[in-house]
Structures are given as structure tokens and as C-alpha cells.
Amino acid sequence: MKINVKIKPNSGEQNIERKDDFYLIKLKSVPEDGKANLELLKLLKKYFGKEVKIKSGFNSRKKVVEFN
């Protein structure tokens, strides 16, 4: 299963909010050295209870993630 996510890094809180066709995810990490991507993967794994990987948008705030 693939989902679209929009990231808001450096927001001071962790939060996942379901919108119409994507998930809005607030992260505490800054978007440098892959820190925000790692936080995203950990948060999604905890939220959905499944392994997750980023399919596209590694350097973008809009990403497509896939569950294994």
C-alpha cells in the first residue's frame, strides 16, 4: 500500500493528521542529513505498526511512502 505524505519539519512536535488524499505529518527534526526522513519512518512505523520505506521525494516535503 502506498500513501502520500506532506512533511512539516522543525515544527516542535510530532503529529500525524489525515487529510483528504494525504497525511500531514509534523516532525521535530530539521531536514538535514536525512534526520527528518529517519524520524518520519520511525513515526509511521509506530503509527501503522508496519515497516515503511520512502518510494519518492527523499529531498522533498511531499513524499510517497510504501508499507511492506
N, C-alpha and C. Protein backbone atom coordinates (compact mmCIF):
# COMPACT_ATOMS: atom_id res chain seq x y z
N MET A 1 0.84 -1.17 0.00
CA MET A 1 0.00 0.00 0.00
C MET A 1 0.89 1.24 0.00
N LYS A 2 0.53 2.22 -0.80
CA LYS A 2 1.27 3.48 -0.88
C LYS A 2 0.38 4.61 -0.40
N ILE A 3 1.00 5.57 0.29
CA ILE A 3 0.27 6.76 0.72
C ILE A 3 1.10 8.00 0.42
N ASN A 4 0.44 9.11 0.23
CA ASN A 4 1.10 10.40 0.04
C ASN A 4 1.18 11.10 1.39
N VAL A 5 2.35 11.69 1.67
CA VAL A 5 2.53 12.43 2.90
C VAL A 5 3.12 13.80 2.60
N LYS A 6 2.77 14.76 3.42
CA LYS A 6 3.37 16.09 3.35
C LYS A 6 4.00 16.35 4.70
N ILE A 7 5.28 16.72 4.69
CA ILE A 7 6.06 16.86 5.90
C ILE A 7 6.20 18.32 6.30
N LYS A 8 6.11 18.57 7.60
CA LYS A 8 6.43 19.89 8.16
C LYS A 8 7.54 19.66 9.18
N PRO A 9 8.80 19.75 8.75
CA PRO A 9 9.91 19.53 9.68
C PRO A 9 10.11 20.72 10.61
N ASN A 10 10.86 20.47 11.69
CA ASN A 10 11.24 21.52 12.63
C ASN A 10 10.01 22.22 13.23
N SER A 11 8.94 21.46 13.47
CA SER A 11 7.70 22.07 13.97
C SER A 11 7.58 22.04 15.49
N GLY A 12 8.51 21.37 16.18
CA GLY A 12 8.47 21.34 17.63
C GLY A 12 7.58 20.27 18.22
N GLU A 13 6.85 19.53 17.39
CA GLU A 13 6.00 18.46 17.87
C GLU A 13 5.91 17.36 16.82
N GLN A 14 5.50 16.18 17.27
CA GLN A 14 5.24 15.09 16.34
C GLN A 14 3.73 14.90 16.27
N ASN A 15 3.20 14.88 15.05
CA ASN A 15 1.76 14.75 14.88
C ASN A 15 1.47 14.18 13.50
N ILE A 16 0.48 13.31 13.40
CA ILE A 16 0.02 12.79 12.11
C ILE A 16 -1.46 13.14 11.99
N GLU A 17 -1.80 13.81 10.89
CA GLU A 17 -3.18 14.25 10.66
C GLU A 17 -3.62 13.77 9.28
N ARG A 18 -4.74 13.07 9.22
CA ARG A 18 -5.27 12.57 7.96
C ARG A 18 -6.04 13.67 7.25
N LYS A 19 -5.66 13.94 6.00
CA LYS A 19 -6.38 14.90 5.16
C LYS A 19 -7.14 14.09 4.11
N ASP A 20 -7.70 14.75 3.10
CA ASP A 20 -8.50 14.04 2.09
C ASP A 20 -7.72 12.94 1.37
N ASP A 21 -6.60 13.31 0.76
CA ASP A 21 -5.85 12.32 -0.04
C ASP A 21 -4.39 12.21 0.38
N PHE A 22 -4.04 12.71 1.57
CA PHE A 22 -2.67 12.60 2.07
C PHE A 22 -2.66 12.71 3.59
N TYR A 23 -1.50 12.44 4.16
CA TYR A 23 -1.29 12.61 5.60
C TYR A 23 -0.37 13.80 5.81
N LEU A 24 -0.75 14.72 6.70
CA LEU A 24 0.10 15.84 7.08
C LEU A 24 0.85 15.42 8.34
N ILE A 25 2.17 15.43 8.26
CA ILE A 25 2.99 14.92 9.36
C ILE A 25 3.94 16.02 9.84
N LYS A 26 3.82 16.34 11.12
CA LYS A 26 4.71 17.33 11.73
C LYS A 26 5.83 16.58 12.44
N LEU A 27 7.06 17.04 12.20
CA LEU A 27 8.24 16.41 12.77
C LEU A 27 9.05 17.41 13.57
N LYS A 28 9.76 16.93 14.58
CA LYS A 28 10.64 17.78 15.38
C LYS A 28 11.98 18.01 14.70
N SER A 29 12.42 17.06 13.89
CA SER A 29 13.75 17.11 13.28
C SER A 29 13.86 18.17 12.20
N VAL A 30 15.09 18.60 11.99
CA VAL A 30 15.38 19.52 10.89
C VAL A 30 15.67 18.70 9.63
N PRO A 31 15.38 19.26 8.46
CA PRO A 31 15.57 18.49 7.23
C PRO A 31 17.01 18.53 6.70
N GLU A 32 17.94 18.03 7.49
CA GLU A 32 19.32 17.96 7.03
C GLU A 32 19.91 16.61 7.42
N ASP A 33 20.78 16.10 6.60
CA ASP A 33 21.45 14.82 6.82
C ASP A 33 20.47 13.67 7.00
N GLY A 34 19.27 13.76 6.43
CA GLY A 34 18.30 12.68 6.49
C GLY A 34 17.62 12.50 7.84
N LYS A 35 17.80 13.44 8.76
CA LYS A 35 17.23 13.32 10.10
C LYS A 35 15.70 13.30 10.07
N ALA A 36 15.11 14.16 9.27
CA ALA A 36 13.65 14.21 9.18
C ALA A 36 13.10 12.93 8.55
N ASN A 37 13.80 12.39 7.55
CA ASN A 37 13.35 11.14 6.94
C ASN A 37 13.39 9.99 7.93
N LEU A 38 14.41 9.91 8.74
CA LEU A 38 14.51 8.85 9.74
C LEU A 38 13.39 8.99 10.78
N GLU A 39 13.14 10.21 11.22
CA GLU A 39 12.06 10.44 12.18
C GLU A 39 10.72 10.07 11.57
N LEU A 40 10.52 10.42 10.30
CA LEU A 40 9.29 10.08 9.59
C LEU A 40 9.07 8.57 9.57
N LEU A 41 10.09 7.81 9.19
CA LEU A 41 9.96 6.35 9.11
C LEU A 41 9.64 5.74 10.47
N LYS A 42 10.30 6.22 11.51
CA LYS A 42 10.03 5.70 12.87
C LYS A 42 8.61 6.03 13.32
N LEU A 43 8.17 7.25 13.04
CA LEU A 43 6.83 7.67 13.45
C LEU A 43 5.75 6.89 12.71
N LEU A 44 5.93 6.70 11.40
CA LEU A 44 4.95 5.94 10.63
C LEU A 44 4.92 4.47 11.05
N LYS A 45 6.08 3.89 11.37
CA LYS A 45 6.11 2.51 11.84
C LYS A 45 5.33 2.37 13.15
N LYS A 46 5.51 3.32 14.04
CA LYS A 46 4.79 3.30 15.32
C LYS A 46 3.29 3.51 15.10
N TYR A 47 2.92 4.41 14.21
CA TYR A 47 1.52 4.76 13.97
C TYR A 47 0.75 3.63 13.29
N PHE A 48 1.35 3.02 12.23
CA PHE A 48 0.67 1.99 11.47
C PHE A 48 1.04 0.57 11.91
N GLY A 49 2.13 0.42 12.64
CA GLY A 49 2.55 -0.91 13.09
C GLY A 49 3.14 -1.76 11.99
N LYS A 50 3.66 -1.14 10.94
CA LYS A 50 4.24 -1.85 9.80
C LYS A 50 5.54 -1.19 9.39
N GLU A 51 6.40 -1.95 8.73
CA GLU A 51 7.63 -1.39 8.16
C GLU A 51 7.26 -0.47 7.00
N VAL A 52 7.98 0.63 6.88
CA VAL A 52 7.69 1.65 5.88
C VAL A 52 8.98 2.03 5.17
N LYS A 53 8.87 2.35 3.86
CA LYS A 53 10.02 2.90 3.15
C LYS A 53 9.56 4.02 2.24
N ILE A 54 10.45 4.96 2.02
CA ILE A 54 10.16 6.11 1.16
C ILE A 54 10.37 5.69 -0.29
N LYS A 55 9.34 5.84 -1.12
CA LYS A 55 9.44 5.48 -2.54
C LYS A 55 9.89 6.66 -3.38
N SER A 56 9.42 7.86 -3.06
CA SER A 56 9.84 9.04 -3.81
C SER A 56 9.74 10.27 -2.92
N GLY A 57 10.53 11.30 -3.27
CA GLY A 57 10.51 12.54 -2.53
C GLY A 57 11.50 12.60 -1.38
N PHE A 58 12.65 11.93 -1.52
CA PHE A 58 13.65 11.90 -0.45
C PHE A 58 14.07 13.30 -0.02
N ASN A 59 14.18 14.23 -0.97
CA ASN A 59 14.62 15.60 -0.67
C ASN A 59 13.48 16.61 -0.77
N SER A 60 12.26 16.13 -0.69
CA SER A 60 11.09 16.98 -0.83
C SER A 60 10.21 16.88 0.41
N ARG A 61 9.35 17.85 0.61
CA ARG A 61 8.41 17.78 1.71
C ARG A 61 7.19 16.93 1.35
N LYS A 62 6.99 16.71 0.07
CA LYS A 62 5.92 15.81 -0.39
C LYS A 62 6.56 14.49 -0.76
N LYS A 63 6.09 13.42 -0.15
CA LYS A 63 6.70 12.11 -0.33
C LYS A 63 5.63 11.06 -0.60
N VAL A 64 6.06 9.96 -1.18
CA VAL A 64 5.24 8.77 -1.31
C VAL A 64 5.93 7.69 -0.51
N VAL A 65 5.20 7.09 0.43
CA VAL A 65 5.77 6.02 1.24
C VAL A 65 5.00 4.74 0.97
N GLU A 66 5.68 3.61 1.16
CA GLU A 66 5.07 2.31 0.90
C GLU A 66 5.27 1.42 2.12
N PHE A 67 4.22 0.66 2.43
CA PHE A 67 4.28 -0.29 3.53
C PHE A 67 4.70 -1.64 3.00
N ASN A 68 5.54 -2.33 3.77
CA ASN A 68 6.00 -3.67 3.40
C ASN A 68 5.09 -4.73 3.98
